[in-house]
């Protein structure tokens, strides 16, 4: 069922296909973080990929030491699944926004 997540600016549907989950997003208003993406890509597309990690701080520190940039202040926020998440700069991953989520 669709879930409105106003704190994230989206309505989301999670589709579980076994070892992978697909997250379908719809913006909640013009201030939604995905509104600009859809303005640039009116047909839709892949917004980001998410990887589960055992320890998000260890993963963050390892990736930063390897040259990846963490978006925001570098501290995890609570994501749509209620777990800590971080986003990595798309320019460091061939144009793909990467999300890390603590398992």
PDB file of N, CA and C in Angstrom:
ATOM      1  N   UNK A   1       0.828  -1.185   0.000  1.00  0.00           N
ATOM      2  CA  UNK A   1       0.000   0.000   0.000  1.00  0.00           C
ATOM      3  C   UNK A   1       0.872   1.248   0.000  1.00  0.00           C
ATOM      4  N   UNK A   2       0.482   2.274  -0.714  1.00  0.00           N
ATOM      5  CA  UNK A   2       1.230   3.534  -0.675  1.00  0.00           C
ATOM      6  C   UNK A   2       1.231   4.131   0.732  1.00  0.00           C
ATOM      7  N   UNK A   3       2.387   4.679   1.116  1.00  0.00           N
ATOM      8  CA  UNK A   3       2.534   5.329   2.410  1.00  0.00           C
ATOM      9  C   UNK A   3       3.012   6.752   2.175  1.00  0.00           C
ATOM     10  N   UNK A   4       2.281   7.721   2.707  1.00  0.00           N
ATOM     11  CA  UNK A   4       2.738   9.110   2.639  1.00  0.00           C
ATOM     12  C   UNK A   4       3.781   9.307   3.733  1.00  0.00           C
ATOM     13  N   UNK A   5       4.937   9.831   3.361  1.00  0.00           N
ATOM     14  CA  UNK A   5       6.009  10.125   4.312  1.00  0.00           C
ATOM     15  C   UNK A   5       6.338  11.614   4.210  1.00  0.00           C
ATOM     16  N   UNK A   6       5.494  12.468   4.804  1.00  0.00           N
ATOM     17  CA  UNK A   6       5.702  13.903   4.653  1.00  0.00           C
ATOM     18  C   UNK A   6       7.057  14.378   5.164  1.00  0.00           C
ATOM     19  N   UNK A   7       7.627  13.700   6.158  1.00  0.00           N
ATOM     20  CA  UNK A   7       8.947  14.092   6.663  1.00  0.00           C
ATOM     21  C   UNK A   7      10.046  13.877   5.623  1.00  0.00           C
ATOM     22  N   UNK A   8       9.776  13.044   4.609  1.00  0.00           N
ATOM     23  CA  UNK A   8      10.722  12.807   3.516  1.00  0.00           C
ATOM     24  C   UNK A   8      10.239  13.434   2.206  1.00  0.00           C
ATOM     25  N   UNK A   9       9.023  13.994   2.209  1.00  0.00           N
ATOM     26  CA  UNK A   9       8.501  14.660   1.020  1.00  0.00           C
ATOM     27  C   UNK A   9       8.059  13.728  -0.084  1.00  0.00           C
ATOM     28  N   UNK A  10       7.717  12.489   0.255  1.00  0.00           N
ATOM     29  CA  UNK A  10       7.336  11.512  -0.764  1.00  0.00           C
ATOM     30  C   UNK A  10       6.185  10.625  -0.303  1.00  0.00           C
ATOM     31  N   UNK A  11       5.526  10.040  -1.282  1.00  0.00           N
ATOM     32  CA  UNK A  11       4.680   8.872  -1.061  1.00  0.00           C
ATOM     33  C   UNK A  11       5.480   7.701  -1.604  1.00  0.00           C
ATOM     34  N   UNK A  12       5.508   6.608  -0.875  1.00  0.00           N
ATOM     35  CA  UNK A  12       6.362   5.488  -1.245  1.00  0.00           C
ATOM     36  C   UNK A  12       5.565   4.182  -1.244  1.00  0.00           C
ATOM     37  N   UNK A  13       5.944   3.294  -2.148  1.00  0.00           N
ATOM     38  CA  UNK A  13       5.453   1.917  -2.170  1.00  0.00           C
ATOM     39  C   UNK A  13       6.688   1.031  -2.196  1.00  0.00           C
ATOM     40  N   UNK A  14       6.763   0.079  -1.274  1.00  0.00           N
ATOM     41  CA  UNK A  14       7.875  -0.867  -1.240  1.00  0.00           C
ATOM     42  C   UNK A  14       7.426  -2.175  -1.867  1.00  0.00           C
ATOM     43  N   UNK A  15       8.204  -2.652  -2.841  1.00  0.00           N
ATOM     44  CA  UNK A  15       7.912  -3.917  -3.518  1.00  0.00           C
ATOM     45  C   UNK A  15       9.052  -4.875  -3.185  1.00  0.00           C
ATOM     46  N   UNK A  16       8.738  -5.956  -2.474  1.00  0.00           N
ATOM     47  CA  UNK A  16       9.751  -6.938  -2.075  1.00  0.00           C
ATOM     48  C   UNK A  16       9.756  -8.061  -3.105  1.00  0.00           C
ATOM     49  N   UNK A  17      10.914  -8.254  -3.767  1.00  0.00           N
ATOM     50  CA  UNK A  17      11.028  -9.305  -4.782  1.00  0.00           C
ATOM     51  C   UNK A  17      12.089 -10.328  -4.379  1.00  0.00           C
ATOM     52  N   UNK A  18      12.089 -10.699  -3.117  1.00  0.00           N
ATOM     53  CA  UNK A  18      13.050 -11.692  -2.638  1.00  0.00           C
ATOM     54  C   UNK A  18      14.239 -11.013  -2.002  1.00  0.00           C
ATOM     55  N   UNK A  19      15.397 -11.109  -2.649  1.00  0.00           N
ATOM     56  CA  UNK A  19      16.615 -10.519  -2.075  1.00  0.00           C
ATOM     57  C   UNK A  19      16.797  -9.057  -2.463  1.00  0.00           C
ATOM     58  N   UNK A  20      15.774  -8.463  -3.066  1.00  0.00           N
ATOM     59  CA  UNK A  20      15.830  -7.070  -3.495  1.00  0.00           C
ATOM     60  C   UNK A  20      14.507  -6.395  -3.172  1.00  0.00           C
ATOM     61  N   UNK A  21      14.570  -5.125  -2.803  1.00  0.00           N
ATOM     62  CA  UNK A  21      13.364  -4.334  -2.597  1.00  0.00           C
ATOM     63  C   UNK A  21      13.396  -3.175  -3.590  1.00  0.00           C
ATOM     64  N   UNK A  22      12.276  -2.925  -4.214  1.00  0.00           N
ATOM     65  CA  UNK A  22      12.138  -1.796  -5.120  1.00  0.00           C
ATOM     66  C   UNK A  22      11.276  -0.759  -4.406  1.00  0.00           C
ATOM     67  N   UNK A  23      11.722   0.482  -4.445  1.00  0.00           N
ATOM     68  CA  UNK A  23      11.023   1.573  -3.778  1.00  0.00           C
ATOM     69  C   UNK A  23      10.500   2.506  -4.858  1.00  0.00           C
ATOM     70  N   UNK A  24       9.188   2.616  -4.955  1.00  0.00           N
ATOM     71  CA  UNK A  24       8.567   3.518  -5.917  1.00  0.00           C
ATOM     72  C   UNK A  24       8.213   4.807  -5.192  1.00  0.00           C
ATOM     73  N   UNK A  25       8.660   5.950  -5.745  1.00  0.00           N
ATOM     74  CA  UNK A  25       8.496   7.233  -5.084  1.00  0.00           C
ATOM     75  C   UNK A  25       7.631   8.169  -5.905  1.00  0.00           C
ATOM     76  N   UNK A  26       6.816   8.942  -5.215  1.00  0.00           N
ATOM     77  CA  UNK A  26       6.031  10.013  -5.817  1.00  0.00           C
ATOM     78  C   UNK A  26       6.229  11.245  -4.940  1.00  0.00           C
ATOM     79  N   UNK A  27       6.509  12.396  -5.541  1.00  0.00           N
ATOM     80  CA  UNK A  27       6.747  13.588  -4.722  1.00  0.00           C
ATOM     81  C   UNK A  27       5.479  14.053  -4.011  1.00  0.00           C
ATOM     82  N   UNK A  28       5.666  14.552  -2.806  1.00  0.00           N
ATOM     83  CA  UNK A  28       4.593  15.222  -2.071  1.00  0.00           C
ATOM     84  C   UNK A  28       4.853  16.720  -2.173  1.00  0.00           C
ATOM     85  N   UNK A  29       4.456  17.320  -3.269  1.00  0.00           N
ATOM     86  CA  UNK A  29       4.623  18.752  -3.459  1.00  0.00           C
ATOM     87  C   UNK A  29       5.920  19.121  -4.145  1.00  0.00           C
ATOM     88  N   UNK A  30       6.044  20.404  -4.460  1.00  0.00           N
ATOM     89  CA  UNK A  30       7.197  20.918  -5.206  1.00  0.00           C
ATOM     90  C   UNK A  30       8.491  20.902  -4.398  1.00  0.00           C
ATOM     91  N   UNK A  31       8.404  20.870  -3.085  1.00  0.00           N
ATOM     92  CA  UNK A  31       9.602  20.880  -2.241  1.00  0.00           C
ATOM     93  C   UNK A  31      10.171  19.476  -2.024  1.00  0.00           C
ATOM     94  N   UNK A  32       9.541  18.469  -2.588  1.00  0.00           N
ATOM     95  CA  UNK A  32      10.019  17.095  -2.440  1.00  0.00           C
ATOM     96  C   UNK A  32      11.422  16.961  -3.013  1.00  0.00           C
ATOM     97  N   UNK A  33      12.288  16.163  -2.353  1.00  0.00           N
ATOM     98  CA  UNK A  33      13.639  15.995  -2.890  1.00  0.00           C
ATOM     99  C   UNK A  33      13.676  15.318  -4.265  1.00  0.00           C
ATOM    100  N   UNK A  34      12.602  14.652  -4.654  1.00  0.00           N
ATOM    101  CA  UNK A  34      12.620  14.025  -5.979  1.00  0.00           C
ATOM    102  C   UNK A  34      11.910  14.870  -7.040  1.00  0.00           C
ATOM    103  N   UNK A  35      11.323  15.997  -6.650  1.00  0.00           N
ATOM    104  CA  UNK A  35      10.623  16.848  -7.620  1.00  0.00           C
ATOM    105  C   UNK A  35      11.574  17.359  -8.701  1.00  0.00           C
ATOM    106  N   UNK A  36      12.771  17.791  -8.308  1.00  0.00           N
ATOM    107  CA  UNK A  36      13.745  18.282  -9.295  1.00  0.00           C
ATOM    108  C   UNK A  36      14.178  17.161 -10.229  1.00  0.00           C
ATOM    109  N   UNK A  37      14.347  15.961  -9.680  1.00  0.00           N
ATOM    110  CA  UNK A  37      14.712  14.806 -10.511  1.00  0.00           C
ATOM    111  C   UNK A  37      13.651  14.564 -11.573  1.00  0.00           C
ATOM    112  N   UNK A  38      12.385  14.580 -11.174  1.00  0.00           N
ATOM    113  CA  UNK A  38      11.312  14.338 -12.131  1.00  0.00           C
ATOM    114  C   UNK A  38      11.158  15.483 -13.127  1.00  0.00           C
ATOM    115  N   UNK A  39      11.479  16.705 -12.710  1.00  0.00           N
ATOM    116  CA  UNK A  39      11.442  17.829 -13.650  1.00  0.00           C
ATOM    117  C   UNK A  39      12.466  17.622 -14.764  1.00  0.00           C
ATOM    118  N   UNK A  40      13.633  17.065 -14.401  1.00  0.00           N
ATOM    119  CA  UNK A  40      14.677  16.785 -15.394  1.00  0.00           C
ATOM    120  C   UNK A  40      14.406  15.505 -16.173  1.00  0.00           C
ATOM    121  N   UNK A  41      13.631  14.602 -15.576  1.00  0.00           N
ATOM    122  CA  UNK A  41      13.353  13.289 -16.166  1.00  0.00           C
ATOM    123  C   UNK A  41      11.839  13.044 -16.140  1.00  0.00           C
ATOM    124  N   UNK A  42      11.066  13.733 -16.970  1.00  0.00           N
ATOM    125  CA  UNK A  42       9.605  13.651 -16.878  1.00  0.00           C
ATOM    126  C   UNK A  42       9.037  12.251 -17.110  1.00  0.00           C
ATOM    127  N   UNK A  43       9.804  11.376 -17.732  1.00  0.00           N
ATOM    128  CA  UNK A  43       9.337  10.003 -17.923  1.00  0.00           C
ATOM    129  C   UNK A  43       9.684   9.117 -16.733  1.00  0.00           C
ATOM    130  N   UNK A  44      10.350   9.697 -15.728  1.00  0.00           N
ATOM    131  CA  UNK A  44      10.757   8.912 -14.562  1.00  0.00           C
ATOM    132  C   UNK A  44      12.119   8.301 -14.779  1.00  0.00           C
ATOM    133  N   UNK A  45      12.480   7.378 -13.959  1.00  0.00           N
ATOM    134  CA  UNK A  45      13.763   6.711 -14.059  1.00  0.00           C
ATOM    135  C   UNK A  45      14.264   6.292 -12.698  1.00  0.00           C
ATOM    136  N   UNK A  46      15.497   5.818 -12.653  1.00  0.00           N
ATOM    137  CA  UNK A  46      16.076   5.374 -11.392  1.00  0.00           C
ATOM    138  C   UNK A  46      16.633   6.588 -10.654  1.00  0.00           C
ATOM    139  N   UNK A  47      16.134   6.833  -9.476  1.00  0.00           N
ATOM    140  CA  UNK A  47      16.576   7.975  -8.675  1.00  0.00           C
ATOM    141  C   UNK A  47      17.844   7.634  -7.907  1.00  0.00           C
ATOM    142  N   UNK A  48      17.889   6.448  -7.276  1.00  0.00           N
ATOM    143  CA  UNK A  48      19.073   6.053  -6.513  1.00  0.00           C
ATOM    144  C   UNK A  48      19.073   4.551  -6.284  1.00  0.00           C
ATOM    145  N   UNK A  49      20.220   4.031  -5.874  1.00  0.00           N
ATOM    146  CA  UNK A  49      20.325   2.643  -5.433  1.00  0.00           C
ATOM    147  C   UNK A  49      20.719   2.670  -3.966  1.00  0.00           C
ATOM    148  N   UNK A  50      20.278   1.644  -3.244  1.00  0.00           N
ATOM    149  CA  UNK A  50      20.545   1.568  -1.809  1.00  0.00           C
ATOM    150  C   UNK A  50      21.227   0.246  -1.490  1.00  0.00           C
ATOM    151  N   UNK A  51      22.253   0.340  -0.674  1.00  0.00           N
ATOM    152  CA  UNK A  51      22.965  -0.847  -0.206  1.00  0.00           C
ATOM    153  C   UNK A  51      22.821  -0.946   1.305  1.00  0.00           C
ATOM    154  N   UNK A  52      22.460  -2.126   1.792  1.00  0.00           N
ATOM    155  CA  UNK A  52      22.430  -2.361   3.236  1.00  0.00           C
ATOM    156  C   UNK A  52      23.846  -2.647   3.722  1.00  0.00           C
ATOM    157  N   UNK A  53      24.191  -2.054   4.841  1.00  0.00           N
ATOM    158  CA  UNK A  53      25.499  -2.276   5.456  1.00  0.00           C
ATOM    159  C   UNK A  53      25.290  -2.644   6.918  1.00  0.00           C
ATOM    160  N   UNK A  54      26.227  -3.429   7.458  1.00  0.00           N
ATOM    161  CA  UNK A  54      26.106  -3.840   8.855  1.00  0.00           C
ATOM    162  C   UNK A  54      26.309  -2.679   9.817  1.00  0.00           C
ATOM    163  N   UNK A  55      27.268  -1.809   9.521  1.00  0.00           N
ATOM    164  CA  UNK A  55      27.591  -0.676  10.386  1.00  0.00           C
ATOM    165  C   UNK A  55      27.770   0.553   9.507  1.00  0.00           C
ATOM    166  N   UNK A  56      26.808   1.450   9.531  1.00  0.00           N
ATOM    167  CA  UNK A  56      26.816   2.591   8.612  1.00  0.00           C
ATOM    168  C   UNK A  56      27.984   3.532   8.869  1.00  0.00           C
ATOM    169  N   UNK A  57      28.420   3.667  10.121  1.00  0.00           N
ATOM    170  CA  UNK A  57      29.544   4.560  10.417  1.00  0.00           C
ATOM    171  C   UNK A  57      30.862   3.984   9.907  1.00  0.00           C
ATOM    172  N   UNK A  58      31.037   2.679  10.039  1.00  0.00           N
ATOM    173  CA  UNK A  58      32.241   2.024   9.505  1.00  0.00           C
ATOM    174  C   UNK A  58      32.250   2.141   7.984  1.00  0.00           C
ATOM    175  N   UNK A  59      31.092   1.905   7.345  1.00  0.00           N
ATOM    176  CA  UNK A  59      31.001   2.014   5.888  1.00  0.00           C
ATOM    177  C   UNK A  59      31.282   3.444   5.442  1.00  0.00           C
ATOM    178  N   UNK A  60      30.709   4.423   6.147  1.00  0.00           N
ATOM    179  CA  UNK A  60      30.944   5.831   5.810  1.00  0.00           C
ATOM    180  C   UNK A  60      32.427   6.167   5.889  1.00  0.00           C
ATOM    181  N   UNK A  61      33.057   5.783   6.992  1.00  0.00           N
ATOM    182  CA  UNK A  61      34.468   6.112   7.182  1.00  0.00           C
ATOM    183  C   UNK A  61      35.339   5.460   6.113  1.00  0.00           C
ATOM    184  N   UNK A  62      35.033   4.221   5.757  1.00  0.00           N
ATOM    185  CA  UNK A  62      35.789   3.507   4.717  1.00  0.00           C
ATOM    186  C   UNK A  62      35.626   4.206   3.360  1.00  0.00           C
ATOM    187  N   UNK A  63      34.394   4.566   3.022  1.00  0.00           N
ATOM    188  CA  UNK A  63      34.151   5.214   1.728  1.00  0.00           C
ATOM    189  C   UNK A  63      34.774   6.604   1.670  1.00  0.00           C
ATOM    190  N   UNK A  64      34.684   7.359   2.760  1.00  0.00           N
ATOM    191  CA  UNK A  64      35.319   8.680   2.786  1.00  0.00           C
ATOM    192  C   UNK A  64      36.837   8.557   2.643  1.00  0.00           C
ATOM    193  N   UNK A  65      37.421   7.558   3.296  1.00  0.00           N
ATOM    194  CA  UNK A  65      38.868   7.344   3.182  1.00  0.00           C
ATOM    195  C   UNK A  65      39.258   6.970   1.759  1.00  0.00           C
ATOM    196  N   UNK A  66      38.309   6.408   1.013  1.00  0.00           N
ATOM    197  CA  UNK A  66      38.545   6.040  -0.388  1.00  0.00           C
ATOM    198  C   UNK A  66      38.239   7.186  -1.343  1.00  0.00           C
ATOM    199  N   UNK A  67      37.794   8.332  -0.813  1.00  0.00           N
ATOM    200  CA  UNK A  67      37.555   9.505  -1.641  1.00  0.00           C
ATOM    201  C   UNK A  67      36.101   9.818  -1.936  1.00  0.00           C
ATOM    202  N   UNK A  68      35.171   9.006  -1.457  1.00  0.00           N
ATOM    203  CA  UNK A  68      33.751   9.281  -1.694  1.00  0.00           C
ATOM    204  C   UNK A  68      33.287  10.411  -0.781  1.00  0.00           C
ATOM    205  N   UNK A  69      32.355  11.210  -1.290  1.00  0.00           N
ATOM    206  CA  UNK A  69      31.796  12.318  -0.515  1.00  0.00           C
ATOM    207  C   UNK A  69      30.410  11.955  -0.005  1.00  0.00           C
ATOM    208  N   UNK A  70      30.191  12.186   1.283  1.00  0.00           N
ATOM    209  CA  UNK A  70      28.888  11.968   1.897  1.00  0.00           C
ATOM    210  C   UNK A  70      28.111  13.276   1.806  1.00  0.00           C
ATOM    211  N   UNK A  71      26.863  13.199   1.384  1.00  0.00           N
ATOM    212  CA  UNK A  71      26.031  14.390   1.288  1.00  0.00           C
ATOM    213  C   UNK A  71      25.547  14.820   2.677  1.00  0.00           C
ATOM    214  N   UNK A  72      25.219  16.089   2.803  1.00  0.00           N
ATOM    215  CA  UNK A  72      24.748  16.618   4.083  1.00  0.00           C
ATOM    216  C   UNK A  72      25.900  16.795   5.044  1.00  0.00           C
ATOM    217  N   UNK A  73      25.602  16.652   6.328  1.00  0.00           N
ATOM    218  CA  UNK A  73      26.630  16.873   7.352  1.00  0.00           C
ATOM    219  C   UNK A  73      27.443  15.620   7.663  1.00  0.00           C
ATOM    220  N   UNK A  74      27.171  14.511   6.954  1.00  0.00           N
ATOM    221  CA  UNK A  74      27.932  13.277   7.165  1.00  0.00           C
ATOM    222  C   UNK A  74      27.379  12.384   8.240  1.00  0.00           C
ATOM    223  N   UNK A  75      26.344  12.842   8.939  1.00  0.00           N
ATOM    224  CA  UNK A  75      25.738  12.031   9.989  1.00  0.00           C
ATOM    225  C   UNK A  75      24.491  11.345   9.467  1.00  0.00           C
ATOM    226  N   UNK A  76      24.283  10.090   9.853  1.00  0.00           N
ATOM    227  CA  UNK A  76      23.093   9.371   9.388  1.00  0.00           C
ATOM    228  C   UNK A  76      21.803  10.055   9.841  1.00  0.00           C
ATOM    229  N   UNK A  77      20.810   9.952   8.987  1.00  0.00           N
ATOM    230  CA  UNK A  77      19.442  10.382   9.281  1.00  0.00           C
ATOM    231  C   UNK A  77      18.574   9.124   9.298  1.00  0.00           C
ATOM    232  N   UNK A  78      17.368   9.222   9.806  1.00  0.00           N
ATOM    233  CA  UNK A  78      16.457   8.085   9.790  1.00  0.00           C
ATOM    234  C   UNK A  78      15.714   8.095   8.458  1.00  0.00           C
ATOM    235  N   UNK A  79      15.804   6.974   7.735  1.00  0.00           N
ATOM    236  CA  UNK A  79      15.202   6.858   6.410  1.00  0.00           C
ATOM    237  C   UNK A  79      13.784   6.318   6.446  1.00  0.00           C
ATOM    238  N   UNK A  80      13.257   6.023   5.270  1.00  0.00           N
ATOM    239  CA  UNK A  80      11.873   5.598   5.107  1.00  0.00           C
ATOM    240  C   UNK A  80      11.566   4.268   5.796  1.00  0.00           C
ATOM    241  N   UNK A  81      12.583   3.445   6.023  1.00  0.00           N
ATOM    242  CA  UNK A  81      12.380   2.159   6.711  1.00  0.00           C
ATOM    243  C   UNK A  81      12.585   2.278   8.211  1.00  0.00           C
ATOM    244  N   UNK A  82      12.833   3.504   8.692  1.00  0.00           N
ATOM    245  CA  UNK A  82      13.070   3.705  10.118  1.00  0.00           C
ATOM    246  C   UNK A  82      14.470   3.340  10.557  1.00  0.00           C
ATOM    247  N   UNK A  83      15.402   3.216   9.599  1.00  0.00           N
ATOM    248  CA  UNK A  83      16.784   2.840   9.893  1.00  0.00           C
ATOM    249  C   UNK A  83      17.715   3.981   9.505  1.00  0.00           C
ATOM    250  N   UNK A  84      18.920   4.041  10.076  1.00  0.00           N
ATOM    251  CA  UNK A  84      19.874   5.089   9.692  1.00  0.00           C
ATOM    252  C   UNK A  84      20.288   4.967   8.225  1.00  0.00           C
ATOM    253  N   UNK A  85      20.349   6.124   7.542  1.00  0.00           N
ATOM    254  CA  UNK A  85      20.758   6.170   6.143  1.00  0.00           C
ATOM    255  C   UNK A  85      21.718   7.330   5.909  1.00  0.00           C
ATOM    256  N   UNK A  86      22.522   7.191   4.867  1.00  0.00           N
ATOM    257  CA  UNK A  86      23.398   8.242   4.350  1.00  0.00           C
ATOM    258  C   UNK A  86      23.315   8.203   2.833  1.00  0.00           C
ATOM    259  N   UNK A  87      23.571   9.345   2.203  1.00  0.00           N
ATOM    260  CA  UNK A  87      23.634   9.390   0.743  1.00  0.00           C
ATOM    261  C   UNK A  87      25.030   9.819   0.325  1.00  0.00           C
ATOM    262  N   UNK A  88      25.509   9.225  -0.771  1.00  0.00           N
ATOM    263  CA  UNK A  88      26.833   9.515  -1.311  1.00  0.00           C
ATOM    264  C   UNK A  88      26.699  10.294  -2.613  1.00  0.00           C
ATOM    265  N   UNK A  89      27.648  11.184  -2.853  1.00  0.00           N
ATOM    266  CA  UNK A  89      27.571  12.090  -3.999  1.00  0.00           C
ATOM    267  C   UNK A  89      27.568  11.313  -5.313  1.00  0.00           C
ATOM    268  N   UNK A  90      26.598  11.603  -6.196  1.00  0.00           N
ATOM    269  CA  UNK A  90      26.519  10.878  -7.463  1.00  0.00           C
ATOM    270  C   UNK A  90      27.749  11.027  -8.355  1.00  0.00           C
ATOM    271  N   UNK A  91      28.446  12.149  -8.273  1.00  0.00           N
ATOM    272  CA  UNK A  91      29.629  12.329  -9.119  1.00  0.00           C
ATOM    273  C   UNK A  91      30.744  11.360  -8.752  1.00  0.00           C
ATOM    274  N   UNK A  92      30.694  10.800  -7.565  1.00  0.00           N
ATOM    275  CA  UNK A  92      31.698   9.824  -7.148  1.00  0.00           C
ATOM    276  C   UNK A  92      31.327   8.398  -7.563  1.00  0.00           C
ATOM    277  N   UNK A  93      30.114   8.224  -8.143  1.00  0.00           N
ATOM    278  CA  UNK A  93      29.626   6.898  -8.525  1.00  0.00           C
ATOM    279  C   UNK A  93      29.009   6.936  -9.926  1.00  0.00           C
ATOM    280  N   UNK A  94      29.726   7.576 -10.860  1.00  0.00           N
ATOM    281  CA  UNK A  94      29.343   7.615 -12.273  1.00  0.00           C
ATOM    282  C   UNK A  94      27.937   8.155 -12.479  1.00  0.00           C
ATOM    283  N   UNK A  95      27.541   9.151 -11.671  1.00  0.00           N
ATOM    284  CA  UNK A  95      26.255   9.809 -11.833  1.00  0.00           C
ATOM    285  C   UNK A  95      25.100   9.160 -11.080  1.00  0.00           C
ATOM    286  N   UNK A  96      25.372   8.123 -10.302  1.00  0.00           N
ATOM    287  CA  UNK A  96      24.308   7.430  -9.571  1.00  0.00           C
ATOM    288  C   UNK A  96      24.315   7.853  -8.107  1.00  0.00           C
ATOM    289  N   UNK A  97      23.185   8.334  -7.619  1.00  0.00           N
ATOM    290  CA  UNK A  97      23.042   8.636  -6.196  1.00  0.00           C
ATOM    291  C   UNK A  97      23.010   7.314  -5.456  1.00  0.00           C
ATOM    292  N   UNK A  98      23.844   7.183  -4.427  1.00  0.00           N
ATOM    293  CA  UNK A  98      23.943   5.950  -3.652  1.00  0.00           C
ATOM    294  C   UNK A  98      23.491   6.218  -2.226  1.00  0.00           C
ATOM    295  N   UNK A  99      22.626   5.357  -1.740  1.00  0.00           N
ATOM    296  CA  UNK A  99      22.156   5.411  -0.354  1.00  0.00           C
ATOM    297  C   UNK A  99      22.745   4.217   0.393  1.00  0.00           C
ATOM    298  N   UNK A 100      23.193   4.456   1.615  1.00  0.00           N
ATOM    299  CA  UNK A 100      23.585   3.372   2.517  1.00  0.00           C
ATOM    300  C   UNK A 100      22.541   3.303   3.613  1.00  0.00           C
ATOM    301  N   UNK A 101      22.104   2.079   3.929  1.00  0.00           N
ATOM    302  CA  UNK A 101      21.132   1.883   4.999  1.00  0.00           C
ATOM    303  C   UNK A 101      21.665   0.830   5.954  1.00  0.00           C
ATOM    304  N   UNK A 102      21.651   1.146   7.230  1.00  0.00           N
ATOM    305  CA  UNK A 102      22.120   0.173   8.210  1.00  0.00           C
ATOM    306  C   UNK A 102      21.123  -0.960   8.307  1.00  0.00           C
ATOM    307  N   UNK A 103      21.604  -2.185   8.183  1.00  0.00           N
ATOM    308  CA  UNK A 103      20.741  -3.368   8.214  1.00  0.00           C
ATOM    309  C   UNK A 103      20.211  -3.630   9.609  1.00  0.00           C
TER     310      UNK A 103
END
